Structure formats: structure tokens, C-alpha cells
Full PDB file with SEQRES, HELIX, SHEET, SSBOND, CRYST1, ORIGX, SCALE, CONECT and MASTER records, all heavy atoms in Angstrom:
SEQRES   1 A   41  LEU GLY TYR ASP LEU SER ASP MET GLY SER VAL ILE ALA          
SEQRES   2 A   41  VAL ALA GLN PRO SER MET LEU GLU LEU CYS GLU ASN GLU          
SEQRES   3 A   41  GLY ILE TYR LYS LEU ALA THR PRO LEU LYS LYS ASN GLU          
SEQRES   4 A   41  LEU ILE                                                      
HELIX    1 AA1 PRO A   17  LEU A   20  1                                   4    
HELIX    2 AA2 LYS A   37  LEU A   40  1                                   4    
SHEET    1 AA1 2 ILE A  12  ALA A  15  0                                        
SHEET    2 AA1 2 TYR A  29  ALA A  32  1                                        
CRYST1    1.000    1.000    1.000  90.00  90.00  90.00 P 1           1          
ORIGX1      1.000000  0.000000  0.000000        0.00000                         
ORIGX2      0.000000  1.000000  0.000000        0.00000                         
ORIGX3      0.000000  0.000000  1.000000        0.00000                         
SCALE1      1.000000  0.000000  0.000000        0.00000                         
SCALE2      0.000000  1.000000  0.000000        0.00000                         
SCALE3      0.000000  0.000000  1.000000        0.00000                         
ATOM      1  N   LEU A   1      -7.687  -6.874  -0.097  1.00  0.00           N  
ATOM      2  CA  LEU A   1      -6.916  -7.417   1.020  1.00  0.00           C  
ATOM      3  C   LEU A   1      -6.993  -6.483   2.231  1.00  0.00           C  
ATOM      4  O   LEU A   1      -7.194  -6.929   3.359  1.00  0.00           O  
ATOM      5  CB  LEU A   1      -5.465  -7.633   0.588  1.00  0.00           C  
ATOM      6  CG  LEU A   1      -4.537  -8.314   1.578  1.00  0.00           C  
ATOM      7  CD1 LEU A   1      -5.028  -9.702   1.943  1.00  0.00           C  
ATOM      8  CD2 LEU A   1      -3.133  -8.391   1.002  1.00  0.00           C  
ATOM      9  N   GLY A   2      -6.877  -5.189   1.974  1.00  0.00           N  
ATOM     10  CA  GLY A   2      -6.965  -4.204   3.053  1.00  0.00           C  
ATOM     11  C   GLY A   2      -8.307  -4.233   3.755  1.00  0.00           C  
ATOM     12  O   GLY A   2      -8.382  -4.158   4.981  1.00  0.00           O  
ATOM     13  N   TYR A   3      -9.380  -4.360   2.985  1.00  0.00           N  
ATOM     14  CA  TYR A   3     -10.715  -4.433   3.594  1.00  0.00           C  
ATOM     15  C   TYR A   3     -10.872  -5.717   4.408  1.00  0.00           C  
ATOM     16  O   TYR A   3     -11.419  -5.701   5.495  1.00  0.00           O  
ATOM     17  CB  TYR A   3     -11.813  -4.349   2.531  1.00  0.00           C  
ATOM     18  CG  TYR A   3     -11.963  -2.970   1.929  1.00  0.00           C  
ATOM     19  CD1 TYR A   3     -11.833  -2.765   0.560  1.00  0.00           C  
ATOM     20  CD2 TYR A   3     -12.236  -1.861   2.731  1.00  0.00           C  
ATOM     21  CE1 TYR A   3     -11.963  -1.506   0.017  1.00  0.00           C  
ATOM     22  CE2 TYR A   3     -12.369  -0.595   2.192  1.00  0.00           C  
ATOM     23  CZ  TYR A   3     -12.227  -0.421   0.825  1.00  0.00           C  
ATOM     24  OH  TYR A   3     -12.358   0.834   0.287  1.00  0.00           O  
ATOM     25  N   ASP A   4     -10.383  -6.845   3.864  1.00  0.00           N  
ATOM     26  CA  ASP A   4     -10.507  -8.124   4.564  1.00  0.00           C  
ATOM     27  C   ASP A   4      -9.687  -8.165   5.855  1.00  0.00           C  
ATOM     28  O   ASP A   4     -10.047  -8.869   6.791  1.00  0.00           O  
ATOM     29  CB  ASP A   4     -10.082  -9.282   3.659  1.00  0.00           C  
ATOM     30  CG  ASP A   4     -11.109  -9.588   2.587  1.00  0.00           C  
ATOM     31  OD1 ASP A   4     -12.258  -9.095   2.688  1.00  0.00           O  
ATOM     32  OD2 ASP A   4     -10.772 -10.320   1.636  1.00  0.00           O  
ATOM     33  N   LEU A   5      -8.581  -7.427   5.896  1.00  0.00           N  
ATOM     34  CA  LEU A   5      -7.695  -7.455   7.060  1.00  0.00           C  
ATOM     35  C   LEU A   5      -7.824  -6.240   7.970  1.00  0.00           C  
ATOM     36  O   LEU A   5      -7.047  -6.096   8.908  1.00  0.00           O  
ATOM     37  CB  LEU A   5      -6.235  -7.580   6.613  1.00  0.00           C  
ATOM     38  CG  LEU A   5      -5.813  -8.922   6.054  1.00  0.00           C  
ATOM     39  CD1 LEU A   5      -4.379  -8.874   5.576  1.00  0.00           C  
ATOM     40  CD2 LEU A   5      -5.996 -10.018   7.090  1.00  0.00           C  
ATOM     41  N   SER A   6      -8.783  -5.386   7.719  1.00  0.00           N  
ATOM     42  CA  SER A   6      -8.871  -4.130   8.473  1.00  0.00           C  
ATOM     43  C   SER A   6      -8.945  -4.335   9.980  1.00  0.00           C  
ATOM     44  O   SER A   6      -8.450  -3.514  10.740  1.00  0.00           O  
ATOM     45  CB  SER A   6     -10.066  -3.304   7.998  1.00  0.00           C  
ATOM     46  OG  SER A   6     -11.272  -4.001   8.243  1.00  0.00           O  
ATOM     47  N   ASP A   7      -9.521  -5.453  10.417  1.00  0.00           N  
ATOM     48  CA  ASP A   7      -9.630  -5.715  11.853  1.00  0.00           C  
ATOM     49  C   ASP A   7      -8.449  -6.505  12.408  1.00  0.00           C  
ATOM     50  O   ASP A   7      -8.322  -6.670  13.615  1.00  0.00           O  
ATOM     51  CB  ASP A   7     -10.919  -6.492  12.143  1.00  0.00           C  
ATOM     52  CG  ASP A   7     -10.923  -7.868  11.501  1.00  0.00           C  
ATOM     53  OD1 ASP A   7     -10.278  -8.041  10.436  1.00  0.00           O  
ATOM     54  OD2 ASP A   7     -11.566  -8.780  12.048  1.00  0.00           O  
ATOM     55  N   MET A   8      -7.563  -6.987  11.526  1.00  0.00           N  
ATOM     56  CA  MET A   8      -6.540  -7.925  11.950  1.00  0.00           C  
ATOM     57  C   MET A   8      -5.116  -7.467  11.659  1.00  0.00           C  
ATOM     58  O   MET A   8      -4.186  -7.948  12.295  1.00  0.00           O  
ATOM     59  CB  MET A   8      -6.782  -9.204  11.165  1.00  0.00           C  
ATOM     60  CG  MET A   8      -6.783 -10.519  11.784  1.00  0.00           C  
ATOM     61  SD  MET A   8      -7.236 -10.676  13.469  1.00  0.00           S  
ATOM     62  CE  MET A   8      -6.333 -12.155  13.755  1.00  0.00           C  
ATOM     63  N   GLY A   9      -4.934  -6.616  10.689  1.00  0.00           N  
ATOM     64  CA  GLY A   9      -3.574  -6.253  10.319  1.00  0.00           C  
ATOM     65  C   GLY A   9      -3.522  -5.059   9.392  1.00  0.00           C  
ATOM     66  O   GLY A   9      -4.541  -4.453   9.075  1.00  0.00           O  
ATOM     67  N   SER A  10      -2.307  -4.765   8.956  1.00  0.00           N  
ATOM     68  CA  SER A  10      -2.066  -3.620   8.073  1.00  0.00           C  
ATOM     69  C   SER A  10      -1.541  -4.111   6.733  1.00  0.00           C  
ATOM     70  O   SER A  10      -0.945  -5.183   6.641  1.00  0.00           O  
ATOM     71  CB  SER A  10      -1.027  -2.686   8.702  1.00  0.00           C  
ATOM     72  OG  SER A  10      -1.464  -2.240   9.960  1.00  0.00           O  
ATOM     73  N   VAL A  11      -1.749  -3.290   5.707  1.00  0.00           N  
ATOM     74  CA  VAL A  11      -1.312  -3.636   4.354  1.00  0.00           C  
ATOM     75  C   VAL A  11      -0.452  -2.512   3.802  1.00  0.00           C  
ATOM     76  O   VAL A  11      -0.826  -1.340   3.865  1.00  0.00           O  
ATOM     77  CB  VAL A  11      -2.523  -3.874   3.420  1.00  0.00           C  
ATOM     78  CG1 VAL A  11      -2.079  -4.100   1.988  1.00  0.00           C  
ATOM     79  CG2 VAL A  11      -3.364  -5.040   3.920  1.00  0.00           C  
ATOM     80  N   ILE A  12       0.714  -2.902   3.273  1.00  0.00           N  
ATOM     81  CA  ILE A  12       1.581  -1.981   2.532  1.00  0.00           C  
ATOM     82  C   ILE A  12       1.538  -2.432   1.087  1.00  0.00           C  
ATOM     83  O   ILE A  12       1.968  -3.544   0.759  1.00  0.00           O  
ATOM     84  CB  ILE A  12       3.040  -2.026   3.039  1.00  0.00           C  
ATOM     85  CG1 ILE A  12       3.131  -1.664   4.517  1.00  0.00           C  
ATOM     86  CG2 ILE A  12       3.916  -1.108   2.186  1.00  0.00           C  
ATOM     87  CD1 ILE A  12       4.519  -1.862   5.115  1.00  0.00           C  
ATOM     88  N   ALA A  13       0.994  -1.592   0.214  1.00  0.00           N  
ATOM     89  CA  ALA A  13       0.932  -1.905  -1.211  1.00  0.00           C  
ATOM     90  C   ALA A  13       2.119  -1.257  -1.913  1.00  0.00           C  
ATOM     91  O   ALA A  13       2.349  -0.055  -1.770  1.00  0.00           O  
ATOM     92  CB  ALA A  13      -0.376  -1.406  -1.811  1.00  0.00           C  
ATOM     93  N   VAL A  14       2.860  -2.060  -2.665  1.00  0.00           N  
ATOM     94  CA  VAL A  14       4.016  -1.585  -3.415  1.00  0.00           C  
ATOM     95  C   VAL A  14       3.690  -1.739  -4.899  1.00  0.00           C  
ATOM     96  O   VAL A  14       3.461  -2.859  -5.370  1.00  0.00           O  
ATOM     97  CB  VAL A  14       5.282  -2.408  -3.061  1.00  0.00           C  
ATOM     98  CG1 VAL A  14       6.468  -1.926  -3.882  1.00  0.00           C  
ATOM     99  CG2 VAL A  14       5.578  -2.336  -1.573  1.00  0.00           C  
ATOM    100  N   ALA A  15       3.648  -0.616  -5.624  1.00  0.00           N  
ATOM    101  CA  ALA A  15       3.277  -0.680  -7.042  1.00  0.00           C  
ATOM    102  C   ALA A  15       3.649   0.619  -7.740  1.00  0.00           C  
ATOM    103  O   ALA A  15       4.071   1.588  -7.091  1.00  0.00           O  
ATOM    104  CB  ALA A  15       1.773  -0.933  -7.186  1.00  0.00           C  
ATOM    105  N   GLN A  16       3.446   0.627  -9.034  1.00  0.00           N  
ATOM    106  CA  GLN A  16       3.658   1.848  -9.808  1.00  0.00           C  
ATOM    107  C   GLN A  16       2.649   2.896  -9.342  1.00  0.00           C  
ATOM    108  O   GLN A  16       1.524   2.556  -8.970  1.00  0.00           O  
ATOM    109  CB  GLN A  16       3.462   1.574 -11.293  1.00  0.00           C  
ATOM    110  CG  GLN A  16       4.456   0.602 -11.871  1.00  0.00           C  
ATOM    111  CD  GLN A  16       4.110   0.232 -13.305  1.00  0.00           C  
ATOM    112  OE1 GLN A  16       3.101   0.668 -13.857  1.00  0.00           O  
ATOM    113  NE2 GLN A  16       4.954  -0.580 -13.895  1.00  0.00           N  
ATOM    114  N   PRO A  17       3.042   4.169  -9.383  1.00  0.00           N  
ATOM    115  CA  PRO A  17       2.129   5.231  -8.914  1.00  0.00           C  
ATOM    116  C   PRO A  17       0.754   5.183  -9.570  1.00  0.00           C  
ATOM    117  O   PRO A  17      -0.259   5.398  -8.899  1.00  0.00           O  
ATOM    118  CB  PRO A  17       2.876   6.516  -9.268  1.00  0.00           C  
ATOM    119  CG  PRO A  17       4.322   6.121  -9.270  1.00  0.00           C  
ATOM    120  CD  PRO A  17       4.349   4.701  -9.775  1.00  0.00           C  
ATOM    121  N   SER A  18       0.689   4.875 -10.854  1.00  0.00           N  
ATOM    122  CA  SER A  18      -0.607   4.830 -11.535  1.00  0.00           C  
ATOM    123  C   SER A  18      -1.507   3.730 -10.972  1.00  0.00           C  
ATOM    124  O   SER A  18      -2.726   3.890 -10.906  1.00  0.00           O  
ATOM    125  CB  SER A  18      -0.420   4.620 -13.039  1.00  0.00           C  
ATOM    126  OG  SER A  18       0.261   3.401 -13.289  1.00  0.00           O  
ATOM    127  N   MET A  19      -0.909   2.617 -10.539  1.00  0.00           N  
ATOM    128  CA  MET A  19      -1.694   1.533  -9.939  1.00  0.00           C  
ATOM    129  C   MET A  19      -2.140   1.911  -8.527  1.00  0.00           C  
ATOM    130  O   MET A  19      -3.258   1.592  -8.120  1.00  0.00           O  
ATOM    131  CB  MET A  19      -0.877   0.229  -9.903  1.00  0.00           C  
ATOM    132  CG  MET A  19      -0.463  -0.284 -11.268  1.00  0.00           C  
ATOM    133  SD  MET A  19      -1.846  -0.555 -12.379  1.00  0.00           S  
ATOM    134  CE  MET A  19      -2.556  -2.005 -11.693  1.00  0.00           C  
ATOM    135  N   LEU A  20      -1.261   2.584  -7.792  1.00  0.00           N  
ATOM    136  CA  LEU A  20      -1.609   2.973  -6.417  1.00  0.00           C  
ATOM    137  C   LEU A  20      -2.770   3.957  -6.394  1.00  0.00           C  
ATOM    138  O   LEU A  20      -3.530   3.995  -5.432  1.00  0.00           O  
ATOM    139  CB  LEU A  20      -0.389   3.555  -5.700  1.00  0.00           C  
ATOM    140  CG  LEU A  20       0.740   2.566  -5.402  1.00  0.00           C  
ATOM    141  CD1 LEU A  20       1.924   3.290  -4.779  1.00  0.00           C  
ATOM    142  CD2 LEU A  20       0.270   1.434  -4.510  1.00  0.00           C  
ATOM    143  N   GLU A  21      -2.900   4.756  -7.461  1.00  0.00           N  
ATOM    144  CA  GLU A  21      -4.026   5.697  -7.539  1.00  0.00           C  
ATOM    145  C   GLU A  21      -5.366   4.973  -7.580  1.00  0.00           C  
ATOM    146  O   GLU A  21      -6.399   5.531  -7.213  1.00  0.00           O  
ATOM    147  CB  GLU A  21      -3.875   6.599  -8.770  1.00  0.00           C  
ATOM    148  CG  GLU A  21      -2.757   7.605  -8.632  1.00  0.00           C  
ATOM    149  CD  GLU A  21      -2.557   8.428  -9.895  1.00  0.00           C  
ATOM    150  OE1 GLU A  21      -3.444   8.427 -10.777  1.00  0.00           O  
ATOM    151  OE2 GLU A  21      -1.506   9.078  -9.993  1.00  0.00           O  
ATOM    152  N   LEU A  22      -5.348   3.716  -8.017  1.00  0.00           N  
ATOM    153  CA  LEU A  22      -6.585   2.928  -8.079  1.00  0.00           C  
ATOM    154  C   LEU A  22      -7.033   2.438  -6.699  1.00  0.00           C  
ATOM    155  O   LEU A  22      -8.176   2.029  -6.537  1.00  0.00           O  
ATOM    156  CB  LEU A  22      -6.396   1.727  -9.012  1.00  0.00           C  
ATOM    157  CG  LEU A  22      -6.061   2.052 -10.465  1.00  0.00           C  
ATOM    158  CD1 LEU A  22      -5.751   0.776 -11.231  1.00  0.00           C  
ATOM    159  CD2 LEU A  22      -7.193   2.825 -11.119  1.00  0.00           C  
ATOM    160  N   CYS A  23      -6.141   2.479  -5.728  1.00  0.00           N  
ATOM    161  CA  CYS A  23      -6.486   2.040  -4.363  1.00  0.00           C  
ATOM    162  C   CYS A  23      -7.424   3.059  -3.727  1.00  0.00           C  
ATOM    163  O   CYS A  23      -7.086   4.225  -3.591  1.00  0.00           O  
ATOM    164  CB  CYS A  23      -5.229   1.914  -3.501  1.00  0.00           C  
ATOM    165  SG  CYS A  23      -4.200   0.520  -3.910  1.00  0.00           S  
ATOM    166  N   GLU A  24      -8.589   2.600  -3.351  1.00  0.00           N  
ATOM    167  CA  GLU A  24      -9.572   3.473  -2.712  1.00  0.00           C  
ATOM    168  C   GLU A  24      -9.565   3.344  -1.199  1.00  0.00           C  
ATOM    169  O   GLU A  24     -10.057   4.208  -0.495  1.00  0.00           O  
ATOM    170  CB  GLU A  24     -10.968   3.144  -3.249  1.00  0.00           C  
ATOM    171  CG  GLU A  24     -11.103   3.400  -4.734  1.00  0.00           C  
ATOM    172  CD  GLU A  24     -12.431   2.923  -5.288  1.00  0.00           C  
ATOM    173  OE1 GLU A  24     -13.224   2.301  -4.537  1.00  0.00           O  
ATOM    174  OE2 GLU A  24     -12.688   3.179  -6.471  1.00  0.00           O  
ATOM    175  N   ASN A  25      -8.994   2.255  -0.691  1.00  0.00           N  
ATOM    176  CA  ASN A  25      -8.969   1.993   0.741  1.00  0.00           C  
ATOM    177  C   ASN A  25      -7.943   2.906   1.401  1.00  0.00           C  
ATOM    178  O   ASN A  25      -6.749   2.799   1.159  1.00  0.00           O  
ATOM    179  CB  ASN A  25      -8.615   0.519   0.992  1.00  0.00           C  
ATOM    180  CG  ASN A  25      -8.689   0.130   2.436  1.00  0.00           C  
ATOM    181  OD1 ASN A  25      -8.595   0.962   3.335  1.00  0.00           O  
ATOM    182  ND2 ASN A  25      -8.859  -1.155   2.679  1.00  0.00           N  
ATOM    183  N   GLU A  26      -8.425   3.809   2.244  1.00  0.00           N  
ATOM    184  CA  GLU A  26      -7.537   4.775   2.890  1.00  0.00           C  
ATOM    185  C   GLU A  26      -6.686   4.149   3.991  1.00  0.00           C  
ATOM    186  O   GLU A  26      -5.738   4.752   4.465  1.00  0.00           O  
ATOM    187  CB  GLU A  26      -8.350   5.941   3.444  1.00  0.00           C  
ATOM    188  CG  GLU A  26      -8.989   6.760   2.338  1.00  0.00           C  
ATOM    189  CD  GLU A  26      -9.815   7.913   2.874  1.00  0.00           C  
ATOM    190  OE1 GLU A  26      -9.724   8.225   4.075  1.00  0.00           O  
ATOM    191  OE2 GLU A  26     -10.561   8.501   2.071  1.00  0.00           O  
ATOM    192  N   GLY A  27      -7.005   2.914   4.386  1.00  0.00           N  
ATOM    193  CA  GLY A  27      -6.237   2.225   5.412  1.00  0.00           C  
ATOM    194  C   GLY A  27      -4.983   1.548   4.890  1.00  0.00           C  
ATOM    195  O   GLY A  27      -4.181   1.037   5.660  1.00  0.00           O  
ATOM    196  N   ILE A  28      -4.813   1.540   3.586  1.00  0.00           N  
ATOM    197  CA  ILE A  28      -3.636   0.907   2.972  1.00  0.00           C  
ATOM    198  C   ILE A  28      -2.503   1.920   2.896  1.00  0.00           C  
ATOM    199  O   ILE A  28      -2.709   3.079   2.537  1.00  0.00           O  
ATOM    200  CB  ILE A  28      -3.964   0.405   1.551  1.00  0.00           C  
ATOM    201  CG1 ILE A  28      -4.969  -0.739   1.622  1.00  0.00           C  
ATOM    202  CG2 ILE A  28      -2.707  -0.050   0.834  1.00  0.00           C  
ATOM    203  CD1 ILE A  28      -5.382  -1.243   0.261  1.00  0.00           C  
ATOM    204  N   TYR A  29      -1.299   1.463   3.230  1.00  0.00           N  
ATOM    205  CA  TYR A  29      -0.108   2.298   3.092  1.00  0.00           C  
ATOM    206  C   TYR A  29       0.476   2.029   1.726  1.00  0.00           C  
ATOM    207  O   TYR A  29       0.684   0.878   1.344  1.00  0.00           O  
ATOM    208  CB  TYR A  29       0.887   1.989   4.214  1.00  0.00           C  
ATOM    209  CG  TYR A  29       0.303   2.358   5.547  1.00  0.00           C  
ATOM    210  CD1 TYR A  29      -0.537   1.476   6.217  1.00  0.00           C  
ATOM    211  CD2 TYR A  29       0.543   3.601   6.101  1.00  0.00           C  
ATOM    212  CE1 TYR A  29      -1.113   1.830   7.430  1.00  0.00           C  
ATOM    213  CE2 TYR A  29      -0.028   3.961   7.317  1.00  0.00           C  
ATOM    214  CZ  TYR A  29      -0.852   3.070   7.962  1.00  0.00           C  
ATOM    215  OH  TYR A  29      -1.422   3.428   9.152  1.00  0.00           O  
ATOM    216  N   LYS A  30       0.708   3.086   0.967  1.00  0.00           N  
ATOM    217  CA  LYS A  30       1.118   2.945  -0.424  1.00  0.00           C  
ATOM    218  C   LYS A  30       2.553   3.400  -0.609  1.00  0.00           C  
ATOM    219  O   LYS A  30       2.916   4.507  -0.200  1.00  0.00           O  
ATOM    220  CB  LYS A  30       0.193   3.774  -1.317  1.00  0.00           C  
ATOM    221  CG  LYS A  30      -1.257   3.403  -1.174  1.00  0.00           C  
ATOM    222  CD  LYS A  30      -2.151   4.410  -1.861  1.00  0.00           C  
ATOM    223  CE  LYS A  30      -3.572   4.213  -1.404  1.00  0.00           C  
ATOM    224  NZ  LYS A  30      -4.422   5.332  -1.655  1.00  0.00           N  
ATOM    225  N   LEU A  31       3.358   2.537  -1.238  1.00  0.00           N  
ATOM    226  CA  LEU A  31       4.745   2.859  -1.560  1.00  0.00           C  
ATOM    227  C   LEU A  31       4.929   2.688  -3.059  1.00  0.00           C  
ATOM    228  O   LEU A  31       4.709   1.606  -3.606  1.00  0.00           O  
ATOM    229  CB  LEU A  31       5.717   1.950  -0.805  1.00  0.00           C  
ATOM    230  CG  LEU A  31       5.683   2.039   0.723  1.00  0.00           C  
ATOM    231  CD1 LEU A  31       6.672   1.055   1.326  1.00  0.00           C  
ATOM    232  CD2 LEU A  31       5.996   3.449   1.197  1.00  0.00           C  
ATOM    233  N   ALA A  32       5.344   3.770  -3.699  1.00  0.00           N  
ATOM    234  CA  ALA A  32       5.500   3.763  -5.150  1.00  0.00           C  
ATOM    235  C   ALA A  32       6.845   3.161  -5.555  1.00  0.00           C  
ATOM    236  O   ALA A  32       7.843   3.280  -4.842  1.00  0.00           O  
ATOM    237  CB  ALA A  32       5.374   5.183  -5.694  1.00  0.00           C  
ATOM    238  N   THR A  33       6.824   2.510  -6.723  1.00  0.00           N  
ATOM    239  CA  THR A  33       8.073   2.029  -7.309  1.00  0.00           C  
ATOM    240  C   THR A  33       8.615   3.117  -8.226  1.00  0.00           C  
ATOM    241  O   THR A  33       7.831   3.892  -8.778  1.00  0.00           O  
ATOM    242  CB  THR A  33       7.838   0.731  -8.110  1.00  0.00           C  
ATOM    243  OG1 THR A  33       6.824   0.952  -9.089  1.00  0.00           O  
ATOM    244  CG2 THR A  33       7.436  -0.404  -7.203  1.00  0.00           C  
ATOM    245  N   PRO A  34       9.917   3.234  -8.366  1.00  0.00           N  
ATOM    246  CA  PRO A  34      10.934   2.374  -7.771  1.00  0.00           C  
ATOM    247  C   PRO A  34      10.977   2.559  -6.260  1.00  0.00           C  
ATOM    248  O   PRO A  34      10.935   3.678  -5.744  1.00  0.00           O  
ATOM    249  CB  PRO A  34      12.239   2.810  -8.424  1.00  0.00           C  
ATOM    250  CG  PRO A  34      11.979   4.199  -8.921  1.00  0.00           C  
ATOM    251  CD  PRO A  34      10.517   4.294  -9.196  1.00  0.00           C  
ATOM    252  N   LEU A  35      11.039   1.426  -5.579  1.00  0.00           N  
ATOM    253  CA  LEU A  35      10.939   1.393  -4.128  1.00  0.00           C  
ATOM    254  C   LEU A  35      12.237   1.830  -3.463  1.00  0.00           C  
ATOM    255  O   LEU A  35      13.318   1.394  -3.841  1.00  0.00           O  
ATOM    256  CB  LEU A  35      10.603  -0.045  -3.690  1.00  0.00           C  
ATOM    257  CG  LEU A  35      10.366  -0.291  -2.217  1.00  0.00           C  
ATOM    258  CD1 LEU A  35       9.160   0.506  -1.726  1.00  0.00           C  
ATOM    259  CD2 LEU A  35      10.137  -1.771  -1.976  1.00  0.00           C  
ATOM    260  N   LYS A  36      12.097   2.711  -2.490  1.00  0.00           N  
ATOM    261  CA  LYS A  36      13.243   3.126  -1.685  1.00  0.00           C  
ATOM    262  C   LYS A  36      13.278   2.230  -0.450  1.00  0.00           C  
ATOM    263  O   LYS A  36      12.306   2.166   0.303  1.00  0.00           O  
ATOM    264  CB  LYS A  36      13.119   4.589  -1.289  1.00  0.00           C  
ATOM    265  CG  LYS A  36      13.170   5.540  -2.464  1.00  0.00           C  
ATOM    266  CD  LYS A  36      12.991   6.973  -1.994  1.00  0.00           C  
ATOM    267  CE  LYS A  36      13.045   7.924  -3.148  1.00  0.00           C  
ATOM    268  NZ  LYS A  36      11.750   8.080  -3.818  1.00  0.00           N  
ATOM    269  N   LYS A  37      14.399   1.540  -0.254  1.00  0.00           N  
ATOM    270  CA  LYS A  37      14.525   0.577   0.835  1.00  0.00           C  
ATOM    271  C   LYS A  37      14.229   1.207   2.195  1.00  0.00           C  
ATOM    272  O   LYS A  37      13.479   0.655   2.995  1.00  0.00           O  
ATOM    273  CB  LYS A  37      15.928  -0.039   0.822  1.00  0.00           C  
ATOM    274  CG  LYS A  37      16.142  -1.076   1.891  1.00  0.00           C  
ATOM    275  CD  LYS A  37      17.461  -1.808   1.740  1.00  0.00           C  
ATOM    276  CE  LYS A  37      18.596  -0.946   2.164  1.00  0.00           C  
ATOM    277  NZ  LYS A  37      19.871  -1.677   2.260  1.00  0.00           N  
ATOM    278  N   ASN A  38      14.793   2.394   2.442  1.00  0.00           N  
ATOM    279  CA  ASN A  38      14.595   3.020   3.759  1.00  0.00           C  
ATOM    280  C   ASN A  38      13.131   3.400   3.978  1.00  0.00           C  
ATOM    281  O   ASN A  38      12.629   3.365   5.099  1.00  0.00           O  
ATOM    282  CB  ASN A  38      15.521   4.222   3.962  1.00  0.00           C  
ATOM    283  CG  ASN A  38      15.265   5.335   2.973  1.00  0.00           C  
ATOM    284  OD1 ASN A  38      14.678   5.124   1.917  1.00  0.00           O  
ATOM    285  ND2 ASN A  38      15.729   6.521   3.310  1.00  0.00           N  
ATOM    286  N   GLU A  39      12.427   3.754   2.919  1.00  0.00           N  
ATOM    287  CA  GLU A  39      11.002   4.085   3.034  1.00  0.00           C  
ATOM    288  C   GLU A  39      10.191   2.832   3.403  1.00  0.00           C  
ATOM    289  O   GLU A  39       9.303   2.879   4.259  1.00  0.00           O  
ATOM    290  CB  GLU A  39      10.508   4.672   1.713  1.00  0.00           C  
ATOM    291  CG  GLU A  39       9.156   5.315   1.781  1.00  0.00           C  
ATOM    292  CD  GLU A  39       8.767   5.975   0.464  1.00  0.00           C  
ATOM    293  OE1 GLU A  39       9.477   5.848  -0.546  1.00  0.00           O  
ATOM    294  OE2 GLU A  39       7.706   6.623   0.464  1.00  0.00           O  
ATOM    295  N   LEU A  40      10.527   1.704   2.779  1.00  0.00           N  
ATOM    296  CA  LEU A  40       9.863   0.441   3.096  1.00  0.00           C  
ATOM    297  C   LEU A  40      10.121   0.046   4.552  1.00  0.00           C  
ATOM    298  O   LEU A  40       9.190  -0.278   5.293  1.00  0.00           O  
ATOM    299  CB  LEU A  40      10.350  -0.678   2.165  1.00  0.00           C  
ATOM    300  CG  LEU A  40       9.880  -2.102   2.506  1.00  0.00           C  
ATOM    301  CD1 LEU A  40       8.368  -2.213   2.424  1.00  0.00           C  
ATOM    302  CD2 LEU A  40      10.555  -3.112   1.598  1.00  0.00           C  
ATOM    303  N   ILE A  41      11.368   0.119   4.972  1.00  0.00           N  
ATOM    304  CA  ILE A  41      11.730  -0.298   6.327  1.00  0.00           C  
ATOM    305  C   ILE A  41      11.087   0.611   7.369  1.00  0.00           C  
ATOM    306  O   ILE A  41      10.569   0.139   8.387  1.00  0.00           O  
ATOM    307  CB  ILE A  41      13.267  -0.346   6.496  1.00  0.00           C  
ATOM    308  CG1 ILE A  41      13.867  -1.391   5.545  1.00  0.00           C  
ATOM    309  CG2 ILE A  41      13.666  -0.621   7.929  1.00  0.00           C  
ATOM    310  CD1 ILE A  41      13.300  -2.795   5.696  1.00  0.00           C  
TER     311      ILE A  41                                                      
MASTER        0    0    0    2    2    0    0    6  310    1    0    4          
END                                                                             
């Protein structure tokens, strides 16, 4: 999704830390669960 939208928008991925480690796209913003509301906002 991040690669497809790189020219059009931004991506915030919310997942367990182990899953976020699989993200190779450096343009994606990663937020680990348990999610902190203020961090998301």
C-alpha cells in the first residue's frame, strides 16, 4: 500500500512490533500495538 501510494499519500501501519519489522518501505509510519492514542493522533 505504501509503495502504491507513495506519490499520493501517507500510510500509518498499526500492528504488533514483530509484524512492523517485516515492513521494508521506509516511507511508512509504524505504530506498535498496544496503540497509544496520543501517538496515533
